[in-house]
């Protein structure tokens, strides 16, 4: 397949993942496909030898691995949109798949299954699937393992509240993702990519486990505590809603505001921040549009553990 235009562009961002990156890159090479694919790797000036490993793969498989090896850390310089800035713009494939350097694919037919479905169903712009979680060498189920055991077809409006995808499970049509739209945001995460892909078509969820998400101390997201994660999610939905005002995003924005409020209101070191907490709750109330929203806001006054139990029980 040397010299052929790739059908799939795999976007892989790495930073100080020398312990894990070989398993990630090998997962790409193990893919059994009847089409060519490329691997667009961006290393953000790693200091642990990650870049040397990437050079090794690029030297051995120059038709597949196309790296950008930074000498200055772009994230620390303020660019929080690595994939949108450096990988998506150079993708040549009809389809884009994503996997960060500390995660890995476990099914050698993953890409083929996703491409076959999207080729046969042009009304779909996104395909995701179930995953497992690796933490301290122990494999566990994803949060959606027991919730969604059958395939799901969805739009952004009908996307389950329990997030049914991770970046490592995504495949999208290249035409559905405009990197310039993504670059307008301070935060650019999976939510933005999924949102814009679903503006162009439907999404499909396959309950098969085809990848593994790794949790470890070195992970950027893993380093944040619950309140920091809630704050980031709140800010990204708030910003996304300012650009794309619609009912579905308003509900997500409201829910993220309530989650941030709830974490602060019941936090040991933050419960007494009455002014900040009160503003957040009022902000969520301003986004009420129907009776279900009223129930969500009432639920925002209940401890998170109780809310999560109710959401899982009733699959809200």
Protein backbone atom coordinates (compact mmCIF):
# COMPACT_ATOMS: atom_id res chain seq x y z
CA UNK A 1 0.00 0.00 0.00
CA UNK A 2 3.05 2.24 -0.17
CA UNK A 3 2.44 5.51 -1.99
CA UNK A 4 -1.37 5.26 -1.82
CA UNK A 5 -3.50 8.04 -0.35
CA UNK A 6 -4.61 6.93 3.12
CA UNK A 7 -8.28 6.31 3.72
CA UNK A 8 -7.85 6.90 7.48
CA UNK A 9 -5.69 9.44 9.28
CA UNK A 10 -4.91 8.47 12.87
CA UNK A 11 -4.22 11.50 15.09
CA UNK A 12 -1.97 10.77 18.05
CA UNK A 13 -0.79 13.36 20.59
CA UNK A 14 2.05 12.44 22.95
CA UNK A 15 3.89 13.98 25.86
CA UNK A 16 6.23 12.16 28.28
CA UNK A 17 4.64 8.77 27.61
CA UNK A 18 7.76 6.68 26.99
CA UNK A 19 6.42 4.00 29.34
CA UNK A 20 3.26 3.56 27.27
CA UNK A 21 3.72 4.87 23.74
CA UNK A 22 5.05 1.63 22.20
CA UNK A 23 1.84 -0.17 23.14
CA UNK A 24 -0.11 2.65 21.51
CA UNK A 25 1.90 2.67 18.27
CA UNK A 26 1.92 -1.12 18.07
CA UNK A 27 -1.88 -1.03 18.34
CA UNK A 28 -1.92 1.00 15.13
CA UNK A 29 0.42 -1.38 13.33
CA UNK A 30 -1.68 -4.38 14.35
CA UNK A 31 -4.72 -3.04 12.53
CA UNK A 32 -5.87 -5.44 9.81
CA UNK A 33 -7.33 -3.35 7.00
CA UNK A 34 -7.92 -3.53 3.26
CA UNK A 35 -7.02 0.16 2.96
CA UNK A 36 -3.97 2.31 3.71
CA UNK A 37 -3.79 4.56 6.75
CA UNK A 38 -1.39 7.16 8.12
CA UNK A 39 -0.41 7.96 11.71
CA UNK A 40 0.00 11.66 12.45
CA UNK A 41 1.96 11.89 15.69
CA UNK A 42 2.54 15.16 17.51
CA UNK A 43 5.00 15.08 20.40
CA UNK A 44 4.95 18.15 22.59
CA UNK A 45 8.67 18.34 23.47
CA UNK A 46 8.79 15.26 25.68
CA UNK A 47 11.77 14.98 28.03
CA UNK A 48 11.59 11.25 28.80
CA UNK A 49 12.58 9.68 25.47
CA UNK A 50 9.10 9.55 23.91
CA UNK A 51 10.35 11.45 20.85
CA UNK A 52 13.17 8.94 20.34
CA UNK A 53 10.66 6.08 20.27
CA UNK A 54 8.55 7.95 17.73
CA UNK A 55 11.64 8.54 15.56
CA UNK A 56 12.32 4.81 15.68
CA UNK A 57 8.84 3.98 14.36
CA UNK A 58 8.99 6.74 11.75
CA UNK A 59 12.32 5.44 10.51
CA UNK A 60 11.07 1.87 10.31
CA UNK A 61 7.64 2.72 8.82
CA UNK A 62 8.10 6.05 6.97
CA UNK A 63 4.98 5.52 4.84
CA UNK A 64 2.82 5.26 7.96
CA UNK A 65 4.24 7.42 10.74
CA UNK A 66 4.45 11.16 10.04
CA UNK A 67 5.66 12.88 13.20
CA UNK A 68 5.92 16.45 14.38
CA UNK A 69 8.48 16.58 17.19
CA UNK A 70 8.35 19.89 18.99
CA UNK A 71 11.40 21.39 20.68
CA UNK A 72 9.26 23.73 22.80
CA UNK A 73 6.20 22.61 24.72
CA UNK A 74 3.18 24.12 22.94
CA UNK A 75 0.74 23.33 25.74
CA UNK A 76 2.82 25.26 28.26
CA UNK A 77 3.01 28.14 25.80
CA UNK A 78 -0.78 28.37 25.90
CA UNK A 79 -1.91 26.16 23.02
CA UNK A 80 -4.49 23.82 24.57
CA UNK A 81 -5.69 22.61 21.14
CA UNK A 82 -2.90 20.28 20.05
CA UNK A 83 -4.91 17.90 17.86
CA UNK A 84 -6.86 20.71 16.18
CA UNK A 85 -3.71 22.79 15.66
CA UNK A 86 -1.21 20.22 14.42
CA UNK A 87 -2.82 16.92 13.41
CA UNK A 88 -6.28 17.48 11.95
CA UNK A 89 -5.10 20.18 9.46
CA UNK A 90 -2.64 17.76 7.83
CA UNK A 91 -4.95 14.74 7.73
CA UNK A 92 -5.29 13.34 4.20
CA UNK A 93 -7.75 10.56 4.96
CA UNK A 94 -11.46 10.49 4.31
CA UNK A 95 -11.81 9.47 7.94
CA UNK A 96 -10.08 10.56 11.15
CA UNK A 97 -9.40 8.30 14.12
CA UNK A 98 -7.93 9.51 17.41
CA UNK A 99 -5.80 7.87 20.09
CA UNK A 100 -3.46 9.58 22.54
CA UNK A 101 -0.07 8.10 23.30
CA UNK A 102 -0.93 6.57 26.66
CA UNK A 103 -4.04 4.75 25.42
CA UNK A 104 -4.15 1.79 23.03
CA UNK A 105 -6.39 -0.20 20.73
CA UNK A 106 -7.10 -3.84 21.52
CA UNK A 107 -9.11 -5.00 18.51
CA UNK A 108 -7.08 -5.45 15.30
CA UNK A 109 -10.30 -5.06 13.29
CA UNK A 110 -11.28 -1.76 14.92
CA UNK A 111 -10.52 0.52 11.96
CA UNK A 112 -11.97 -1.91 9.44
CA UNK A 113 -15.24 -2.21 11.37
CA UNK A 114 -15.58 1.53 11.66
CA UNK A 115 -14.76 2.24 8.03
CA UNK A 116 -17.09 -0.52 6.76
CA UNK A 117 -19.99 0.96 8.72
CA UNK A 118 -19.37 4.56 7.68
CA UNK A 119 -18.88 3.60 4.03
CA UNK A 120 -22.20 1.74 4.07
CA UNK A 121 -24.09 4.45 6.00
CA UNK A 122 -23.34 7.92 4.58
CA UNK A 123 -25.90 9.56 6.89
CA UNK A 124 -23.55 8.88 9.81
CA UNK A 125 -20.58 11.16 10.49
CA UNK A 126 -19.29 9.57 13.69
CA UNK A 127 -18.68 6.05 14.99
CA UNK A 128 -17.61 5.29 18.55
CA UNK A 129 -17.50 2.18 20.69
CA UNK A 130 -17.08 0.81 24.20
CA UNK A 131 -13.70 0.68 25.94
CA UNK A 132 -12.04 -0.79 29.01
CA UNK A 133 -10.08 1.11 31.68
CA UNK A 134 -6.55 0.27 32.81
CA UNK A 135 -5.52 1.65 36.21
CA UNK A 136 -2.54 0.39 38.20
CA UNK A 137 -2.32 -2.71 35.99
CA UNK A 138 -5.95 -3.62 36.66
CA UNK A 139 -8.54 -3.74 33.88
CA UNK A 140 -12.06 -2.56 34.68
CA UNK A 141 -15.24 -1.79 32.77
CA UNK A 142 -16.03 1.59 31.30
CA UNK A 143 -18.80 3.66 32.93
CA UNK A 144 -21.16 2.67 30.10
CA UNK A 145 -20.47 -1.07 30.12
CA UNK A 146 -23.70 -2.04 31.88
CA UNK A 147 -25.78 0.87 30.66
CA UNK A 148 -25.70 0.45 26.90
CA UNK A 149 -25.42 -3.15 25.78
CA UNK A 150 -26.99 -2.62 22.38
CA UNK A 151 -25.89 -0.39 19.48
CA UNK A 152 -27.17 3.18 19.67
CA UNK A 153 -27.88 5.69 16.93
CA UNK A 154 -27.81 9.26 18.22
CA UNK A 155 -27.66 12.98 17.51
CA UNK A 156 -26.16 15.56 19.85
CA UNK A 157 -29.65 16.19 21.21
CA UNK A 158 -30.16 12.50 22.03
CA UNK A 159 -26.59 11.78 23.14
CA UNK A 160 -26.82 10.05 26.57
CA UNK A 161 -25.87 12.16 29.58
CA UNK A 162 -23.39 9.50 30.62
CA UNK A 163 -20.73 10.23 27.98
CA UNK A 164 -20.54 7.19 25.69
CA UNK A 165 -17.20 7.85 24.06
CA UNK A 166 -13.53 8.57 24.64
CA UNK A 167 -11.17 10.05 22.07
CA UNK A 168 -9.57 6.64 21.49
CA UNK A 169 -12.91 5.22 20.30
CA UNK A 170 -13.77 7.92 17.77
CA UNK A 171 -13.80 7.76 14.02
CA UNK A 172 -15.26 10.72 12.11
CA UNK A 173 -15.61 11.86 8.57
CA UNK A 174 -12.86 14.33 7.73
CA UNK A 175 -15.35 16.61 5.99
CA UNK A 176 -17.37 16.84 9.22
CA UNK A 177 -14.52 18.39 11.20
CA UNK A 178 -13.28 21.88 10.38
CA UNK A 179 -10.16 22.60 12.43
CA UNK A 180 -10.71 26.34 12.05
CA UNK A 181 -14.01 26.01 13.90
CA UNK A 182 -12.25 24.09 16.67
CA UNK A 183 -9.46 26.66 16.96
CA UNK A 184 -11.86 29.45 17.90
CA UNK A 185 -12.23 27.96 21.37
CA UNK A 186 -10.03 28.36 24.44
CA UNK A 187 -10.79 24.74 25.23
CA UNK A 188 -10.87 22.14 22.48
CA UNK A 189 -11.71 18.65 23.69
CA UNK A 190 -13.64 15.59 22.61
CA UNK A 191 -16.90 17.46 23.24
CA UNK A 192 -16.13 20.02 20.54
CA UNK A 193 -15.13 17.38 17.99
CA UNK A 194 -18.22 15.29 18.72
CA UNK A 195 -20.52 18.32 18.62
CA UNK A 196 -19.32 19.55 15.23
CA UNK A 197 -19.27 16.04 13.74
CA UNK A 198 -22.87 15.52 14.84
CA UNK A 199 -23.92 18.77 13.15
CA UNK A 200 -23.08 17.02 9.86
CA UNK A 201 -24.68 13.62 10.52
CA UNK A 202 -25.72 11.01 13.04
CA UNK A 203 -23.51 9.13 15.49
CA UNK A 204 -23.28 5.38 16.04
CA UNK A 205 -22.22 3.61 19.25
CA UNK A 206 -21.04 -0.01 19.17
CA UNK A 207 -21.01 -1.76 22.59
CA UNK A 208 -18.00 -3.89 21.58
CA UNK A 209 -14.82 -3.15 23.54
CA UNK A 210 -12.10 -2.28 21.04
CA UNK A 211 -9.70 -0.06 23.00
CA UNK A 212 -8.27 0.61 26.44
CA UNK A 213 -8.15 3.94 28.26
CA UNK A 214 -5.20 4.22 30.63
CA UNK A 215 -5.43 6.15 33.90
CA UNK A 216 -2.11 7.13 35.48
CA UNK A 217 -0.55 9.93 37.48
CA UNK A 218 1.20 11.40 34.44
CA UNK A 219 -2.04 11.90 32.51
CA UNK A 220 -3.01 15.57 32.13
CA UNK A 221 -6.68 14.94 32.93
CA UNK A 222 -5.83 12.49 35.72
CA UNK A 223 -3.80 15.18 37.51
CA UNK A 224 -6.90 17.33 38.11
CA UNK A 225 -9.14 16.84 41.13
CA UNK A 226 -12.91 16.55 40.76
CA UNK A 227 -13.57 20.28 41.16
CA UNK A 228 -10.95 21.20 38.55
CA UNK A 229 -12.50 18.73 36.12
CA UNK A 230 -15.98 20.12 36.83
CA UNK A 231 -14.71 23.66 36.31
CA UNK A 232 -13.06 22.78 32.99
CA UNK A 233 -16.22 21.05 31.76
CA UNK A 234 -18.34 24.01 32.87
CA UNK A 235 -16.10 26.52 31.10
CA UNK A 236 -15.92 24.55 27.84
CA UNK A 237 -19.71 24.13 27.65
CA UNK A 238 -20.21 27.79 28.54
CA UNK A 239 -17.87 28.87 25.76
CA UNK A 240 -19.34 26.39 23.28
CA UNK A 241 -22.83 27.67 24.05
CA UNK A 242 -21.79 31.29 23.44
CA UNK A 243 -20.81 30.30 19.87
CA UNK A 244 -23.53 27.74 19.17
CA UNK A 245 -26.72 28.73 20.93
CA UNK A 246 -29.23 25.89 20.77
CA UNK A 247 -31.41 23.93 23.15
CA UNK A 248 -29.20 20.84 23.31
CA UNK A 249 -26.09 22.80 24.22
CA UNK A 250 -28.02 24.93 26.71
CA UNK A 251 -29.03 21.78 28.58
CA UNK A 252 -25.44 20.48 28.59
CA UNK A 253 -24.22 23.87 29.78
CA UNK A 254 -26.84 23.89 32.55
CA UNK A 255 -25.92 20.38 33.63
CA UNK A 256 -22.18 21.21 33.69
CA UNK A 257 -22.92 24.33 35.76
CA UNK A 258 -24.91 22.27 38.25
CA UNK A 259 -22.14 19.68 38.50
CA UNK A 260 -19.56 22.39 39.21
CA UNK A 261 -21.86 24.02 41.76
CA UNK A 262 -22.60 20.71 43.45
CA UNK A 263 -18.93 19.79 43.79
CA UNK A 264 -18.14 23.14 45.38
CA UNK A 265 -21.24 23.19 47.59
CA UNK A 266 -20.43 19.80 49.13
CA UNK A 267 -16.63 20.12 49.03
CA UNK A 268 -14.74 20.20 52.33
CA UNK A 269 -12.76 23.30 51.43
CA UNK A 270 -15.29 25.06 49.21
CA UNK A 271 -18.74 24.70 50.79
CA UNK A 272 -18.46 28.12 52.50
CA UNK A 273 -17.87 30.00 49.21
CA UNK A 274 -21.49 31.08 49.29
CA UNK A 275 -21.20 33.97 46.82
CA UNK A 276 -19.47 31.92 44.10
CA UNK A 277 -21.69 28.90 44.67
CA UNK A 278 -24.83 31.04 44.63
CA UNK A 279 -23.86 32.68 41.33
CA UNK A 280 -23.32 29.27 39.75
CA UNK A 281 -26.70 28.01 40.86
CA UNK A 282 -28.44 31.15 39.58
CA UNK A 283 -26.58 30.71 36.28
CA UNK A 284 -28.01 27.22 35.95
CA UNK A 285 -31.52 28.45 36.75
CA UNK A 286 -31.31 30.99 33.91
CA UNK A 287 -30.93 28.12 31.45
CA UNK A 288 -34.13 26.33 32.41
CA UNK A 289 -36.36 25.73 29.40
CA UNK A 290 -38.71 22.91 30.48
CA UNK A 291 -39.92 20.90 33.47
CA UNK A 292 -37.13 18.36 33.14
CA UNK A 293 -34.64 21.19 33.56
CA UNK A 294 -36.43 22.17 36.78
CA UNK A 295 -35.90 18.64 38.07
CA UNK A 296 -32.22 18.79 37.11
CA UNK A 297 -31.82 22.04 39.03
CA UNK A 298 -33.52 20.57 42.08
CA UNK A 299 -31.21 17.57 41.71
CA UNK A 300 -28.28 19.98 41.71
CA UNK A 301 -29.00 20.59 45.39
CA UNK A 302 -28.56 16.89 46.14
CA UNK A 303 -25.09 15.34 46.75
CA UNK A 304 -23.42 14.12 43.53
CA UNK A 305 -23.30 10.47 44.63
CA UNK A 306 -27.09 10.40 44.90
CA UNK A 307 -27.53 12.10 41.50
CA UNK A 308 -25.17 9.66 39.79
CA UNK A 309 -27.07 6.74 41.28
CA UNK A 310 -30.38 8.09 39.99
CA UNK A 311 -28.94 8.82 36.52
CA UNK A 312 -27.55 5.31 36.19
CA UNK A 313 -30.71 3.71 37.57
CA UNK A 314 -33.05 5.55 35.21
CA UNK A 315 -30.51 5.95 32.36
CA UNK A 316 -31.02 9.70 32.22
